[in-house]
Amino acid sequence: MNDMMFSAIAGLVALVIIFLICRELICWYWKINEAVDLLREIHKELKILNKTN
């Protein structure tokens, strides 16, 4: 019973790690991180422009 519980937890941890690695690779390939950074920069500049007007 204890070995089965350990195997299940180890398998779950391995799946989470694989998911995170695959997610990062997909975001890098489709340049999603860069797009989010650019949108945040645009948002900040628009806020500044909106305050001055």
PDB file of N, CA and C in Angstrom:
ATOM      1  N   MET A   1       0.833  -1.198   0.000  1.00  0.00           N
ATOM      2  CA  MET A   1       0.000   0.000   0.000  1.00  0.00           C
ATOM      3  C   MET A   1       0.873   1.256   0.000  1.00  0.00           C
ATOM      4  N   ASN A   2       1.916   1.262   0.824  1.00  0.00           N
ATOM      5  CA  ASN A   2       2.794   2.418   0.926  1.00  0.00           C
ATOM      6  C   ASN A   2       3.566   2.635  -0.378  1.00  0.00           C
ATOM      7  N   ASP A   3       4.015   1.521  -0.999  1.00  0.00           N
ATOM      8  CA  ASP A   3       4.732   1.626  -2.268  1.00  0.00           C
ATOM      9  C   ASP A   3       3.827   2.154  -3.375  1.00  0.00           C
ATOM     10  N   MET A   4       2.566   1.739  -3.362  1.00  0.00           N
ATOM     11  CA  MET A   4       1.625   2.189  -4.379  1.00  0.00           C
ATOM     12  C   MET A   4       1.338   3.686  -4.221  1.00  0.00           C
ATOM     13  N   MET A   5       1.233   4.153  -2.983  1.00  0.00           N
ATOM     14  CA  MET A   5       0.997   5.573  -2.723  1.00  0.00           C
ATOM     15  C   MET A   5       2.198   6.401  -3.176  1.00  0.00           C
ATOM     16  N   PHE A   6       3.393   5.939  -2.881  1.00  0.00           N
ATOM     17  CA  PHE A   6       4.610   6.630  -3.294  1.00  0.00           C
ATOM     18  C   PHE A   6       4.706   6.691  -4.819  1.00  0.00           C
ATOM     19  N   SER A   7       4.388   5.592  -5.485  1.00  0.00           N
ATOM     20  CA  SER A   7       4.425   5.558  -6.946  1.00  0.00           C
ATOM     21  C   SER A   7       3.418   6.525  -7.550  1.00  0.00           C
ATOM     22  N   ALA A   8       2.246   6.617  -6.967  1.00  0.00           N
ATOM     23  CA  ALA A   8       1.218   7.526  -7.471  1.00  0.00           C
ATOM     24  C   ALA A   8       1.654   8.983  -7.304  1.00  0.00           C
ATOM     25  N   ILE A   9       2.216   9.309  -6.159  1.00  0.00           N
ATOM     26  CA  ILE A   9       2.676  10.684  -5.915  1.00  0.00           C
ATOM     27  C   ILE A   9       3.846  11.019  -6.835  1.00  0.00           C
ATOM     28  N   ALA A  10       4.783  10.086  -6.991  1.00  0.00           N
ATOM     29  CA  ALA A  10       5.931  10.313  -7.868  1.00  0.00           C
ATOM     30  C   ALA A  10       5.469  10.484  -9.314  1.00  0.00           C
ATOM     31  N   GLY A  11       4.506   9.703  -9.746  1.00  0.00           N
ATOM     32  CA  GLY A  11       3.963   9.824 -11.094  1.00  0.00           C
ATOM     33  C   GLY A  11       3.279  11.160 -11.295  1.00  0.00           C
ATOM     34  N   LEU A  12       2.533  11.598 -10.295  1.00  0.00           N
ATOM     35  CA  LEU A  12       1.845  12.884 -10.377  1.00  0.00           C
ATOM     36  C   LEU A  12       2.841  14.041 -10.448  1.00  0.00           C
ATOM     37  N   VAL A  13       3.879  13.977  -9.644  1.00  0.00           N
ATOM     38  CA  VAL A  13       4.918  15.015  -9.674  1.00  0.00           C
ATOM     39  C   VAL A  13       5.607  15.026 -11.041  1.00  0.00           C
ATOM     40  N   ALA A  14       5.899  13.864 -11.582  1.00  0.00           N
ATOM     41  CA  ALA A  14       6.534  13.778 -12.894  1.00  0.00           C
ATOM     42  C   ALA A  14       5.632  14.380 -13.975  1.00  0.00           C
ATOM     43  N   LEU A  15       4.336  14.106 -13.915  1.00  0.00           N
ATOM     44  CA  LEU A  15       3.396  14.673 -14.890  1.00  0.00           C
ATOM     45  C   LEU A  15       3.327  16.187 -14.795  1.00  0.00           C
ATOM     46  N   VAL A  16       3.342  16.714 -13.588  1.00  0.00           N
ATOM     47  CA  VAL A  16       3.304  18.172 -13.413  1.00  0.00           C
ATOM     48  C   VAL A  16       4.570  18.805 -13.986  1.00  0.00           C
ATOM     49  N   ILE A  17       5.713  18.201 -13.739  1.00  0.00           N
ATOM     50  CA  ILE A  17       6.977  18.729 -14.266  1.00  0.00           C
ATOM     51  C   ILE A  17       6.984  18.677 -15.794  1.00  0.00           C
ATOM     52  N   ILE A  18       6.537  17.578 -16.368  1.00  0.00           N
ATOM     53  CA  ILE A  18       6.465  17.461 -17.824  1.00  0.00           C
ATOM     54  C   ILE A  18       5.504  18.491 -18.398  1.00  0.00           C
ATOM     55  N   PHE A  19       4.363  18.694 -17.743  1.00  0.00           N
ATOM     56  CA  PHE A  19       3.402  19.701 -18.200  1.00  0.00           C
ATOM     57  C   PHE A  19       4.019  21.091 -18.199  1.00  0.00           C
ATOM     58  N   LEU A  20       4.717  21.448 -17.131  1.00  0.00           N
ATOM     59  CA  LEU A  20       5.324  22.772 -17.044  1.00  0.00           C
ATOM     60  C   LEU A  20       6.398  22.977 -18.109  1.00  0.00           C
ATOM     61  N   ILE A  21       7.186  21.954 -18.365  1.00  0.00           N
ATOM     62  CA  ILE A  21       8.217  22.055 -19.403  1.00  0.00           C
ATOM     63  C   ILE A  21       7.567  22.203 -20.776  1.00  0.00           C
ATOM     64  N   CYS A  22       6.560  21.405 -21.061  1.00  0.00           N
ATOM     65  CA  CYS A  22       5.874  21.497 -22.360  1.00  0.00           C
ATOM     66  C   CYS A  22       5.186  22.844 -22.516  1.00  0.00           C
ATOM     67  N   ARG A  23       4.590  23.360 -21.459  1.00  0.00           N
ATOM     68  CA  ARG A  23       3.928  24.655 -21.520  1.00  0.00           C
ATOM     69  C   ARG A  23       4.927  25.756 -21.851  1.00  0.00           C
ATOM     70  N   GLU A  24       6.081  25.711 -21.220  1.00  0.00           N
ATOM     71  CA  GLU A  24       7.101  26.726 -21.472  1.00  0.00           C
ATOM     72  C   GLU A  24       7.613  26.638 -22.908  1.00  0.00           C
ATOM     73  N   LEU A  25       7.792  25.433 -23.412  1.00  0.00           N
ATOM     74  CA  LEU A  25       8.239  25.269 -24.802  1.00  0.00           C
ATOM     75  C   LEU A  25       7.206  25.784 -25.792  1.00  0.00           C
ATOM     76  N   ILE A  26       5.944  25.519 -25.538  1.00  0.00           N
ATOM     77  CA  ILE A  26       4.877  25.997 -26.430  1.00  0.00           C
ATOM     78  C   ILE A  26       4.797  27.520 -26.387  1.00  0.00           C
ATOM     79  N   CYS A  27       4.882  28.098 -25.203  1.00  0.00           N
ATOM     80  CA  CYS A  27       4.855  29.561 -25.085  1.00  0.00           C
ATOM     81  C   CYS A  27       6.056  30.180 -25.784  1.00  0.00           C
ATOM     82  N   TRP A  28       7.216  29.544 -25.699  1.00  0.00           N
ATOM     83  CA  TRP A  28       8.402  30.060 -26.370  1.00  0.00           C
ATOM     84  C   TRP A  28       8.236  29.956 -27.887  1.00  0.00           C
ATOM     85  N   TYR A  29       7.735  28.835 -28.371  1.00  0.00           N
ATOM     86  CA  TYR A  29       7.604  28.616 -29.807  1.00  0.00           C
ATOM     87  C   TYR A  29       6.630  29.613 -30.429  1.00  0.00           C
ATOM     88  N   TRP A  30       5.518  29.837 -29.803  1.00  0.00           N
ATOM     89  CA  TRP A  30       4.511  30.746 -30.344  1.00  0.00           C
ATOM     90  C   TRP A  30       4.730  32.190 -29.916  1.00  0.00           C
ATOM     91  N   LYS A  31       5.834  32.459 -29.204  1.00  0.00           N
ATOM     92  CA  LYS A  31       6.207  33.808 -28.764  1.00  0.00           C
ATOM     93  C   LYS A  31       5.118  34.454 -27.906  1.00  0.00           C
ATOM     94  N   ILE A  32       4.442  33.664 -27.113  1.00  0.00           N
ATOM     95  CA  ILE A  32       3.357  34.171 -26.270  1.00  0.00           C
ATOM     96  C   ILE A  32       3.905  35.073 -25.173  1.00  0.00           C
ATOM     97  N   ASN A  33       5.030  34.697 -24.583  1.00  0.00           N
ATOM     98  CA  ASN A  33       5.616  35.507 -23.513  1.00  0.00           C
ATOM     99  C   ASN A  33       5.996  36.889 -24.018  1.00  0.00           C
ATOM    100  N   GLU A  34       6.569  36.951 -25.225  1.00  0.00           N
ATOM    101  CA  GLU A  34       6.935  38.246 -25.793  1.00  0.00           C
ATOM    102  C   GLU A  34       5.696  39.099 -26.068  1.00  0.00           C
ATOM    103  N   ALA A  35       4.641  38.476 -26.550  1.00  0.00           N
ATOM    104  CA  ALA A  35       3.412  39.213 -26.836  1.00  0.00           C
ATOM    105  C   ALA A  35       2.806  39.777 -25.554  1.00  0.00           C
ATOM    106  N   VAL A  36       2.839  39.017 -24.488  1.00  0.00           N
ATOM    107  CA  VAL A  36       2.304  39.486 -23.205  1.00  0.00           C
ATOM    108  C   VAL A  36       3.123  40.657 -22.687  1.00  0.00           C
ATOM    109  N   ASP A  37       4.437  40.562 -22.784  1.00  0.00           N
ATOM    110  CA  ASP A  37       5.294  41.675 -22.346  1.00  0.00           C
ATOM    111  C   ASP A  37       5.019  42.932 -23.158  1.00  0.00           C
ATOM    112  N   LEU A  38       4.871  42.783 -24.461  1.00  0.00           N
ATOM    113  CA  LEU A  38       4.587  43.919 -25.321  1.00  0.00           C
ATOM    114  C   LEU A  38       3.230  44.547 -24.994  1.00  0.00           C
ATOM    115  N   LEU A  39       2.234  43.722 -24.753  1.00  0.00           N
ATOM    116  CA  LEU A  39       0.912  44.236 -24.388  1.00  0.00           C
ATOM    117  C   LEU A  39       0.944  44.974 -23.058  1.00  0.00           C
ATOM    118  N   ARG A  40       1.727  44.485 -22.111  1.00  0.00           N
ATOM    119  CA  ARG A  40       1.854  45.183 -20.823  1.00  0.00           C
ATOM    120  C   ARG A  40       2.516  46.547 -21.009  1.00  0.00           C
ATOM    121  N   GLU A  41       3.538  46.598 -21.856  1.00  0.00           N
ATOM    122  CA  GLU A  41       4.215  47.862 -22.123  1.00  0.00           C
ATOM    123  C   GLU A  41       3.263  48.856 -22.804  1.00  0.00           C
ATOM    124  N   ILE A  42       2.496  48.375 -23.759  1.00  0.00           N
ATOM    125  CA  ILE A  42       1.517  49.235 -24.436  1.00  0.00           C
ATOM    126  C   ILE A  42       0.485  49.742 -23.440  1.00  0.00           C
ATOM    127  N   HIS A  43       0.051  48.883 -22.553  1.00  0.00           N
ATOM    128  CA  HIS A  43      -0.947  49.255 -21.544  1.00  0.00           C
ATOM    129  C   HIS A  43      -0.417  50.363 -20.627  1.00  0.00           C
ATOM    130  N   LYS A  44       0.834  50.227 -20.200  1.00  0.00           N
ATOM    131  CA  LYS A  44       1.435  51.255 -19.344  1.00  0.00           C
ATOM    132  C   LYS A  44       1.511  52.594 -20.073  1.00  0.00           C
ATOM    133  N   GLU A  45       1.932  52.562 -21.341  1.00  0.00           N
ATOM    134  CA  GLU A  45       2.041  53.799 -22.108  1.00  0.00           C
ATOM    135  C   GLU A  45       0.669  54.437 -22.342  1.00  0.00           C
ATOM    136  N   LEU A  46      -0.333  53.625 -22.568  1.00  0.00           N
ATOM    137  CA  LEU A  46      -1.684  54.155 -22.750  1.00  0.00           C
ATOM    138  C   LEU A  46      -2.220  54.790 -21.472  1.00  0.00           C
ATOM    139  N   LYS A  47      -1.888  54.195 -20.334  1.00  0.00           N
ATOM    140  CA  LYS A  47      -2.287  54.792 -19.059  1.00  0.00           C
ATOM    141  C   LYS A  47      -1.657  56.165 -18.888  1.00  0.00           C
ATOM    142  N   ILE A  48      -0.366  56.266 -19.237  1.00  0.00           N
ATOM    143  CA  ILE A  48       0.336  57.544 -19.118  1.00  0.00           C
ATOM    144  C   ILE A  48      -0.283  58.573 -20.054  1.00  0.00           C
ATOM    145  N   LEU A  49      -0.563  58.187 -21.282  1.00  0.00           N
ATOM    146  CA  LEU A  49      -1.189  59.100 -22.235  1.00  0.00           C
ATOM    147  C   LEU A  49      -2.587  59.527 -21.781  1.00  0.00           C
ATOM    148  N   ASN A  50      -3.306  58.608 -21.211  1.00  0.00           N
ATOM    149  CA  ASN A  50      -4.660  58.909 -20.750  1.00  0.00           C
ATOM    150  C   ASN A  50      -4.646  59.890 -19.588  1.00  0.00           C
ATOM    151  N   LYS A  51      -3.646  59.814 -18.702  1.00  0.00           N
ATOM    152  CA  LYS A  51      -3.553  60.729 -17.574  1.00  0.00           C
ATOM    153  C   LYS A  51      -3.193  62.138 -18.015  1.00  0.00           C
ATOM    154  N   THR A  52      -2.371  62.239 -19.071  1.00  0.00           N
ATOM    155  CA  THR A  52      -1.946  63.569 -19.507  1.00  0.00           C
ATOM    156  C   THR A  52      -3.047  64.285 -20.279  1.00  0.00           C
ATOM    157  N   ASN A  53      -3.981  63.578 -20.846  1.00  0.00           N
ATOM    158  CA  ASN A  53      -5.049  64.222 -21.636  1.00  0.00           C
ATOM    159  C   ASN A  53      -6.235  64.575 -20.797  1.00  0.00           C
TER     160      ASN A  53
END
